[in-house]
Amino acid sequence: MLSNEKLNIKSNVQVSNNPLKSKKNIHALGLSYICDFLKRAGFTILEVNTDPNHHFQLLAEINGKTFLIAVRSACAPEVGRIDTFTLEKLERESEKLNAIPHFAGLTIAPVEMKDMEFESVNLGQEFRIIFNGISAVGNLGVLTANG
């Protein structure tokens, strides 16, 4: 299962400076994780948008179906969330592209974190990504793909 995997930040992840405290660095790590997850599941990544404030980050395809995926990442104890306004934009854009809207929320936490208090994650430090799957959103009901 892919949730609670223990990984190491590698130098090929595009993060600046050592601490993973900035929203941009946290987002880049979460986005990299989801891209890898989708590729391992057989998806073709058609487009990547690295802006953490954009309504979607990934356009992907598998078995002739297109998926528009919003990715939100946060450091523990927070959880990656999507607000209603952004969710509605995601749904409208999905309709234009004839794609199925999805959401992936992730939490990044140091392995040695105590009592769910925030501790920064540094390059080379062991951490875990808490990820419960990618969910279809909107009028389709909720479908979840867990690894």
N, C-alpha and C. Protein backbone atom coordinates (compact mmCIF):
# COMPACT_ATOMS: atom_id res chain seq x y z
N MET A 1 0.85 -1.18 0.00
CA MET A 1 0.00 0.00 0.00
C MET A 1 0.89 1.24 0.00
N LEU A 2 0.46 2.30 -0.65
CA LEU A 2 1.30 3.47 -0.80
C LEU A 2 1.18 4.48 0.32
N SER A 3 0.17 4.38 1.17
CA SER A 3 0.08 5.35 2.25
C SER A 3 1.11 5.02 3.32
N ASN A 4 1.60 6.05 3.99
CA ASN A 4 2.59 5.92 5.06
C ASN A 4 3.92 5.32 4.60
N GLU A 5 4.29 5.50 3.34
CA GLU A 5 5.58 5.02 2.86
C GLU A 5 6.69 5.84 3.49
N LYS A 6 7.79 5.21 3.79
CA LYS A 6 8.97 5.92 4.28
C LYS A 6 9.90 6.13 3.10
N LEU A 7 10.22 7.38 2.83
CA LEU A 7 11.07 7.73 1.71
C LEU A 7 12.15 8.69 2.18
N ASN A 8 13.14 8.91 1.37
CA ASN A 8 14.14 9.93 1.62
C ASN A 8 14.03 10.99 0.54
N ILE A 9 14.19 12.26 0.93
CA ILE A 9 14.21 13.32 -0.07
C ILE A 9 15.51 13.17 -0.82
N LYS A 10 15.43 13.10 -2.12
CA LYS A 10 16.62 12.96 -2.95
C LYS A 10 16.90 14.28 -3.63
N SER A 11 18.12 14.47 -4.05
CA SER A 11 18.52 15.74 -4.64
C SER A 11 17.80 16.03 -5.96
N ASN A 12 17.22 15.02 -6.63
CA ASN A 12 16.53 15.28 -7.88
C ASN A 12 15.14 15.87 -7.69
N VAL A 13 14.61 15.89 -6.45
CA VAL A 13 13.37 16.57 -6.16
C VAL A 13 13.69 18.05 -6.15
N GLN A 14 12.92 18.84 -6.89
CA GLN A 14 13.25 20.25 -7.03
C GLN A 14 12.75 21.05 -5.84
N VAL A 15 13.56 21.09 -4.81
CA VAL A 15 13.26 21.92 -3.64
C VAL A 15 14.44 22.85 -3.44
N SER A 16 14.16 24.04 -2.95
CA SER A 16 15.24 24.99 -2.73
C SER A 16 15.57 25.06 -1.25
N ASN A 17 16.83 25.34 -0.94
CA ASN A 17 17.33 25.37 0.43
C ASN A 17 17.18 24.01 1.09
N ASN A 18 17.53 23.91 2.36
CA ASN A 18 17.41 22.62 3.03
C ASN A 18 16.04 22.35 3.63
N PRO A 19 15.49 23.24 4.44
CA PRO A 19 14.20 22.89 5.04
C PRO A 19 13.08 22.84 4.00
N LEU A 20 12.13 22.02 4.26
CA LEU A 20 11.00 21.85 3.37
C LEU A 20 9.83 22.69 3.89
N LYS A 21 10.12 23.87 4.43
CA LYS A 21 9.10 24.67 5.08
C LYS A 21 8.26 25.50 4.14
N SER A 22 8.75 25.82 2.96
CA SER A 22 7.97 26.69 2.08
C SER A 22 6.85 25.91 1.41
N LYS A 23 5.75 26.60 1.14
CA LYS A 23 4.61 25.98 0.47
C LYS A 23 5.02 25.42 -0.89
N LYS A 24 5.89 26.15 -1.58
CA LYS A 24 6.35 25.72 -2.91
C LYS A 24 7.11 24.39 -2.82
N ASN A 25 8.00 24.24 -1.85
CA ASN A 25 8.77 23.01 -1.69
C ASN A 25 7.90 21.83 -1.27
N ILE A 26 6.97 22.08 -0.37
CA ILE A 26 6.05 21.03 0.08
C ILE A 26 5.20 20.57 -1.10
N HIS A 27 4.73 21.53 -1.88
CA HIS A 27 3.91 21.21 -3.06
C HIS A 27 4.71 20.40 -4.09
N ALA A 28 5.95 20.82 -4.35
CA ALA A 28 6.79 20.11 -5.33
C ALA A 28 7.00 18.66 -4.92
N LEU A 29 7.21 18.42 -3.65
CA LEU A 29 7.41 17.05 -3.18
C LEU A 29 6.14 16.22 -3.35
N GLY A 30 5.00 16.78 -2.96
CA GLY A 30 3.73 16.06 -3.11
C GLY A 30 3.40 15.78 -4.57
N LEU A 31 3.63 16.76 -5.43
CA LEU A 31 3.36 16.61 -6.86
C LEU A 31 4.25 15.54 -7.47
N SER A 32 5.52 15.53 -7.08
CA SER A 32 6.45 14.51 -7.56
C SER A 32 5.98 13.11 -7.14
N TYR A 33 5.51 13.00 -5.92
CA TYR A 33 5.03 11.71 -5.41
C TYR A 33 3.82 11.23 -6.21
N ILE A 34 2.86 12.13 -6.47
CA ILE A 34 1.65 11.74 -7.21
C ILE A 34 1.99 11.39 -8.66
N CYS A 35 2.88 12.14 -9.28
CA CYS A 35 3.31 11.80 -10.65
C CYS A 35 3.89 10.39 -10.69
N ASP A 36 4.76 10.08 -9.75
CA ASP A 36 5.36 8.75 -9.69
C ASP A 36 4.29 7.68 -9.46
N PHE A 37 3.36 7.96 -8.55
CA PHE A 37 2.26 7.03 -8.26
C PHE A 37 1.47 6.72 -9.53
N LEU A 38 1.10 7.77 -10.27
CA LEU A 38 0.30 7.59 -11.49
C LEU A 38 1.08 6.84 -12.57
N LYS A 39 2.35 7.15 -12.74
CA LYS A 39 3.17 6.44 -13.73
C LYS A 39 3.26 4.96 -13.40
N ARG A 40 3.45 4.63 -12.12
CA ARG A 40 3.52 3.23 -11.71
C ARG A 40 2.20 2.52 -11.94
N ALA A 41 1.09 3.27 -11.90
CA ALA A 41 -0.24 2.68 -12.13
C ALA A 41 -0.58 2.58 -13.61
N GLY A 42 0.32 3.08 -14.49
CA GLY A 42 0.10 2.96 -15.92
C GLY A 42 -0.45 4.20 -16.60
N PHE A 43 -0.57 5.29 -15.89
CA PHE A 43 -1.08 6.53 -16.48
C PHE A 43 -0.01 7.18 -17.35
N THR A 44 -0.46 7.93 -18.35
CA THR A 44 0.41 8.80 -19.13
C THR A 44 0.14 10.23 -18.65
N ILE A 45 1.19 10.92 -18.23
CA ILE A 45 1.05 12.30 -17.77
C ILE A 45 1.11 13.20 -19.02
N LEU A 46 0.03 13.93 -19.28
CA LEU A 46 -0.05 14.79 -20.46
C LEU A 46 0.39 16.22 -20.17
N GLU A 47 0.14 16.68 -18.95
CA GLU A 47 0.48 18.05 -18.57
C GLU A 47 0.70 18.14 -17.07
N VAL A 48 1.69 18.94 -16.68
CA VAL A 48 1.98 19.18 -15.26
C VAL A 48 1.99 20.69 -15.03
N ASN A 49 1.24 21.14 -14.06
CA ASN A 49 1.23 22.54 -13.66
C ASN A 49 1.78 22.61 -12.24
N THR A 50 2.92 23.23 -12.07
CA THR A 50 3.60 23.23 -10.76
C THR A 50 3.12 24.34 -9.82
N ASP A 51 2.23 25.21 -10.28
CA ASP A 51 1.73 26.30 -9.44
C ASP A 51 0.81 25.72 -8.36
N PRO A 52 1.18 25.85 -7.07
CA PRO A 52 0.35 25.26 -6.01
C PRO A 52 -1.01 25.93 -5.86
N ASN A 53 -1.19 27.11 -6.44
CA ASN A 53 -2.48 27.80 -6.32
C ASN A 53 -3.40 27.60 -7.52
N HIS A 54 -2.90 26.92 -8.55
CA HIS A 54 -3.73 26.66 -9.74
C HIS A 54 -4.77 25.61 -9.39
N HIS A 55 -5.90 25.61 -10.09
CA HIS A 55 -6.99 24.69 -9.74
C HIS A 55 -6.71 23.24 -10.10
N PHE A 56 -5.72 22.99 -10.95
CA PHE A 56 -5.32 21.60 -11.18
C PHE A 56 -3.81 21.55 -11.40
N GLN A 57 -3.22 20.38 -11.15
CA GLN A 57 -1.79 20.20 -11.36
C GLN A 57 -1.48 19.19 -12.45
N LEU A 58 -2.35 18.23 -12.64
CA LEU A 58 -2.04 17.15 -13.59
C LEU A 58 -3.19 16.86 -14.54
N LEU A 59 -2.83 16.64 -15.79
CA LEU A 59 -3.74 16.11 -16.79
C LEU A 59 -3.13 14.77 -17.17
N ALA A 60 -3.87 13.69 -16.93
CA ALA A 60 -3.33 12.35 -17.15
C ALA A 60 -4.35 11.50 -17.89
N GLU A 61 -3.86 10.41 -18.47
CA GLU A 61 -4.73 9.55 -19.27
C GLU A 61 -4.38 8.08 -19.02
N ILE A 62 -5.42 7.27 -19.02
CA ILE A 62 -5.25 5.81 -18.95
C ILE A 62 -6.49 5.16 -19.57
N ASN A 63 -6.27 4.12 -20.34
CA ASN A 63 -7.37 3.36 -20.96
C ASN A 63 -8.37 4.25 -21.70
N GLY A 64 -7.87 5.29 -22.38
CA GLY A 64 -8.74 6.16 -23.16
C GLY A 64 -9.53 7.18 -22.35
N LYS A 65 -9.31 7.22 -21.04
CA LYS A 65 -10.00 8.19 -20.18
C LYS A 65 -9.01 9.25 -19.72
N THR A 66 -9.50 10.50 -19.65
CA THR A 66 -8.66 11.62 -19.25
C THR A 66 -9.06 12.07 -17.85
N PHE A 67 -8.05 12.38 -17.04
CA PHE A 67 -8.25 12.79 -15.66
C PHE A 67 -7.58 14.13 -15.41
N LEU A 68 -8.30 15.04 -14.75
CA LEU A 68 -7.76 16.32 -14.34
C LEU A 68 -7.63 16.25 -12.82
N ILE A 69 -6.40 16.38 -12.31
CA ILE A 69 -6.14 16.09 -10.90
C ILE A 69 -5.57 17.31 -10.18
N ALA A 70 -6.24 17.70 -9.10
CA ALA A 70 -5.73 18.73 -8.21
C ALA A 70 -4.93 18.04 -7.11
N VAL A 71 -3.74 18.55 -6.83
CA VAL A 71 -2.88 17.98 -5.79
C VAL A 71 -2.62 19.06 -4.74
N ARG A 72 -2.85 18.73 -3.48
CA ARG A 72 -2.57 19.65 -2.40
C ARG A 72 -1.77 18.91 -1.34
N SER A 73 -0.67 19.52 -0.90
CA SER A 73 0.22 18.92 0.08
C SER A 73 0.39 19.85 1.27
N ALA A 74 0.63 19.27 2.43
CA ALA A 74 0.86 20.05 3.64
C ALA A 74 1.78 19.28 4.57
N CYS A 75 2.48 19.99 5.43
CA CYS A 75 3.28 19.34 6.46
C CYS A 75 2.39 19.04 7.66
N ALA A 76 2.65 17.92 8.31
CA ALA A 76 1.89 17.51 9.48
C ALA A 76 1.97 18.60 10.56
N PRO A 77 0.94 18.81 11.28
CA PRO A 77 -0.27 17.99 11.38
C PRO A 77 -1.35 18.34 10.36
N GLU A 78 -1.07 19.25 9.45
CA GLU A 78 -2.05 19.65 8.43
C GLU A 78 -2.20 18.55 7.37
N VAL A 79 -3.29 18.64 6.61
CA VAL A 79 -3.59 17.71 5.53
C VAL A 79 -3.85 18.55 4.28
N GLY A 80 -3.37 18.11 3.12
CA GLY A 80 -3.65 18.82 1.88
C GLY A 80 -5.15 18.86 1.61
N ARG A 81 -5.68 20.06 1.44
CA ARG A 81 -7.12 20.25 1.25
C ARG A 81 -7.39 21.12 0.03
N ILE A 82 -8.59 21.00 -0.50
CA ILE A 82 -9.02 21.84 -1.62
C ILE A 82 -10.26 22.60 -1.18
N ASP A 83 -10.29 23.90 -1.47
CA ASP A 83 -11.44 24.70 -1.08
C ASP A 83 -12.55 24.59 -2.12
N THR A 84 -13.74 25.02 -1.75
CA THR A 84 -14.92 24.89 -2.61
C THR A 84 -14.76 25.66 -3.92
N PHE A 85 -14.24 26.88 -3.87
CA PHE A 85 -14.06 27.69 -5.07
C PHE A 85 -13.14 26.98 -6.07
N THR A 86 -12.01 26.46 -5.59
CA THR A 86 -11.06 25.76 -6.45
C THR A 86 -11.65 24.47 -6.99
N LEU A 87 -12.41 23.79 -6.16
CA LEU A 87 -13.06 22.55 -6.58
C LEU A 87 -14.05 22.82 -7.72
N GLU A 88 -14.79 23.91 -7.61
CA GLU A 88 -15.74 24.26 -8.67
C GLU A 88 -15.00 24.61 -9.97
N LYS A 89 -13.86 25.31 -9.87
CA LYS A 89 -13.05 25.61 -11.06
C LYS A 89 -12.54 24.32 -11.70
N LEU A 90 -12.11 23.38 -10.86
CA LEU A 90 -11.63 22.09 -11.34
C LEU A 90 -12.74 21.36 -12.11
N GLU A 91 -13.94 21.38 -11.57
CA GLU A 91 -15.06 20.71 -12.23
C GLU A 91 -15.40 21.36 -13.57
N ARG A 92 -15.41 22.70 -13.62
CA ARG A 92 -15.70 23.40 -14.88
C ARG A 92 -14.63 23.12 -15.94
N GLU A 93 -13.36 23.15 -15.53
CA GLU A 93 -12.27 22.87 -16.47
C GLU A 93 -12.34 21.43 -16.96
N SER A 94 -12.71 20.51 -16.08
CA SER A 94 -12.85 19.10 -16.46
C SER A 94 -13.92 18.93 -17.53
N GLU A 95 -15.02 19.65 -17.38
CA GLU A 95 -16.08 19.57 -18.39
C GLU A 95 -15.57 20.05 -19.74
N LYS A 96 -14.83 21.16 -19.76
CA LYS A 96 -14.28 21.70 -21.01
C LYS A 96 -13.35 20.70 -21.69
N LEU A 97 -12.57 19.98 -20.89
CA LEU A 97 -11.58 19.04 -21.43
C LEU A 97 -12.11 17.62 -21.57
N ASN A 98 -13.39 17.41 -21.22
CA ASN A 98 -13.97 16.08 -21.23
C ASN A 98 -13.14 15.12 -20.37
N ALA A 99 -12.78 15.62 -19.19
CA ALA A 99 -11.95 14.85 -18.25
C ALA A 99 -12.72 14.59 -16.96
N ILE A 100 -12.27 13.64 -16.20
CA ILE A 100 -12.87 13.30 -14.92
C ILE A 100 -12.06 14.01 -13.83
N PRO A 101 -12.72 14.89 -13.02
CA PRO A 101 -11.98 15.63 -11.99
C PRO A 101 -11.66 14.74 -10.78
N HIS A 102 -10.43 14.89 -10.31
CA HIS A 102 -9.97 14.13 -9.14
C HIS A 102 -9.19 15.03 -8.19
N PHE A 103 -9.05 14.55 -6.95
CA PHE A 103 -8.30 15.28 -5.94
C PHE A 103 -7.39 14.32 -5.18
N ALA A 104 -6.15 14.77 -4.93
CA ALA A 104 -5.21 14.01 -4.10
C ALA A 104 -4.69 14.94 -3.00
N GLY A 105 -4.92 14.58 -1.77
CA GLY A 105 -4.43 15.35 -0.62
C GLY A 105 -3.37 14.54 0.11
N LEU A 106 -2.23 15.18 0.41
CA LEU A 106 -1.12 14.49 1.06
C LEU A 106 -0.66 15.23 2.31
N THR A 107 -0.09 14.47 3.23
CA THR A 107 0.58 15.03 4.40
C THR A 107 2.01 14.54 4.40
N ILE A 108 2.95 15.45 4.64
CA ILE A 108 4.36 15.10 4.71
C ILE A 108 4.80 15.27 6.15
N ALA A 109 5.40 14.23 6.72
CA ALA A 109 5.77 14.26 8.14
C ALA A 109 7.11 13.56 8.35
N PRO A 110 7.95 14.12 9.24
CA PRO A 110 9.18 13.42 9.59
C PRO A 110 8.83 12.08 10.25
N VAL A 111 9.62 11.06 10.00
CA VAL A 111 9.37 9.74 10.58
C VAL A 111 9.43 9.82 12.10
N GLU A 112 10.32 10.64 12.63
CA GLU A 112 10.50 10.74 14.07
C GLU A 112 9.60 11.78 14.73
N MET A 113 8.56 12.21 14.06
CA MET A 113 7.69 13.24 14.61
C MET A 113 6.97 12.74 15.85
N LYS A 114 6.95 13.57 16.89
CA LYS A 114 6.32 13.20 18.15
C LYS A 114 5.04 14.00 18.35
N ASP A 115 3.98 13.33 18.76
CA ASP A 115 2.72 13.98 19.10
C ASP A 115 2.16 14.86 18.00
N MET A 116 2.43 14.54 16.75
CA MET A 116 1.92 15.29 15.61
C MET A 116 2.23 16.78 15.66
N GLU A 117 3.33 17.15 16.32
CA GLU A 117 3.77 18.54 16.30
C GLU A 117 4.61 18.75 15.06
N PHE A 118 4.51 19.93 14.46
CA PHE A 118 5.26 20.20 13.24
C PHE A 118 6.75 20.21 13.52
N GLU A 119 7.47 19.50 12.74
CA GLU A 119 8.93 19.57 12.70
C GLU A 119 9.28 19.70 11.23
N SER A 120 10.25 20.52 10.91
CA SER A 120 10.60 20.67 9.50
C SER A 120 11.22 19.38 8.97
N VAL A 121 11.08 19.16 7.70
CA VAL A 121 11.71 18.04 7.02
C VAL A 121 12.86 18.61 6.23
N ASN A 122 14.05 18.07 6.40
CA ASN A 122 15.24 18.57 5.73
C ASN A 122 15.73 17.59 4.68
N LEU A 123 16.49 18.10 3.71
CA LEU A 123 17.07 17.24 2.69
C LEU A 123 17.88 16.13 3.36
N GLY A 124 17.67 14.91 2.91
CA GLY A 124 18.38 13.77 3.46
C GLY A 124 17.71 13.16 4.68
N GLN A 125 16.74 13.84 5.25
CA GLN A 125 16.05 13.34 6.43
C GLN A 125 14.95 12.37 6.01
N GLU A 126 14.78 11.32 6.77
CA GLU A 126 13.73 10.36 6.47
C GLU A 126 12.37 10.95 6.83
N PHE A 127 11.41 10.77 5.94
CA PHE A 127 10.07 11.28 6.18
C PHE A 127 9.06 10.29 5.64
N ARG A 128 7.81 10.54 5.91
CA ARG A 128 6.75 9.70 5.37
C ARG A 128 5.72 10.59 4.69
N ILE A 129 5.10 10.04 3.66
CA ILE A 129 4.02 10.72 2.98
C ILE A 129 2.76 9.94 3.31
N ILE A 130 1.81 10.63 3.88
CA ILE A 130 0.54 10.02 4.23
C ILE A 130 -0.43 10.37 3.11
N PHE A 131 -0.89 9.34 2.41
CA PHE A 131 -1.67 9.51 1.19
C PHE A 131 -2.73 8.42 1.16
N ASN A 132 -3.99 8.81 1.13
CA ASN A 132 -5.08 7.84 1.17
C ASN A 132 -5.75 7.61 -0.17
N GLY A 133 -5.10 7.99 -1.25
CA GLY A 133 -5.64 7.73 -2.57
C GLY A 133 -6.08 8.99 -3.30
N ILE A 134 -6.48 8.81 -4.53
CA ILE A 134 -6.96 9.89 -5.39
C ILE A 134 -8.46 9.68 -5.54
N SER A 135 -9.24 10.71 -5.23
CA SER A 135 -10.69 10.60 -5.25
C SER A 135 -11.31 11.38 -6.39
N ALA A 136 -12.28 10.78 -7.07
CA ALA A 136 -13.08 11.50 -8.06
C ALA A 136 -13.96 12.47 -7.29
N VAL A 137 -14.13 13.66 -7.83
CA VAL A 137 -14.93 14.67 -7.16
C VAL A 137 -15.99 15.20 -8.11
N GLY A 138 -16.97 15.89 -7.56
CA GLY A 138 -18.00 16.51 -8.38
C GLY A 138 -19.26 15.68 -8.43
N ASN A 139 -19.98 15.81 -9.52
CA ASN A 139 -21.28 15.16 -9.67
C ASN A 139 -21.19 13.66 -9.89
N LEU A 140 -19.98 13.14 -9.94
CA LEU A 140 -19.79 11.72 -10.22
C LEU A 140 -19.91 10.87 -8.97
N GLY A 141 -20.06 11.50 -7.80
CA GLY A 141 -19.98 10.77 -6.56
C GLY A 141 -18.52 10.71 -6.16
N VAL A 142 -18.19 9.85 -5.25
CA VAL A 142 -16.80 9.75 -4.82
C VAL A 142 -16.29 8.35 -5.12
N LEU A 143 -15.23 8.30 -5.90
CA LEU A 143 -14.54 7.05 -6.20
C LEU A 143 -13.12 7.20 -5.70
N THR A 144 -12.55 6.20 -5.13
CA THR A 144 -11.20 6.31 -4.61
C THR A 144 -10.31 5.23 -5.20
N ALA A 145 -9.13 5.64 -5.66
CA ALA A 145 -8.12 4.68 -6.14
C ALA A 145 -7.01 4.65 -5.13
N ASN A 146 -6.90 3.58 -4.38
CA ASN A 146 -5.84 3.44 -3.39
C ASN A 146 -4.75 2.54 -3.93
N GLY A 147 -3.52 2.85 -3.54
CA GLY A 147 -2.39 2.04 -3.99
C GLY A 147 -2.13 0.88 -3.12
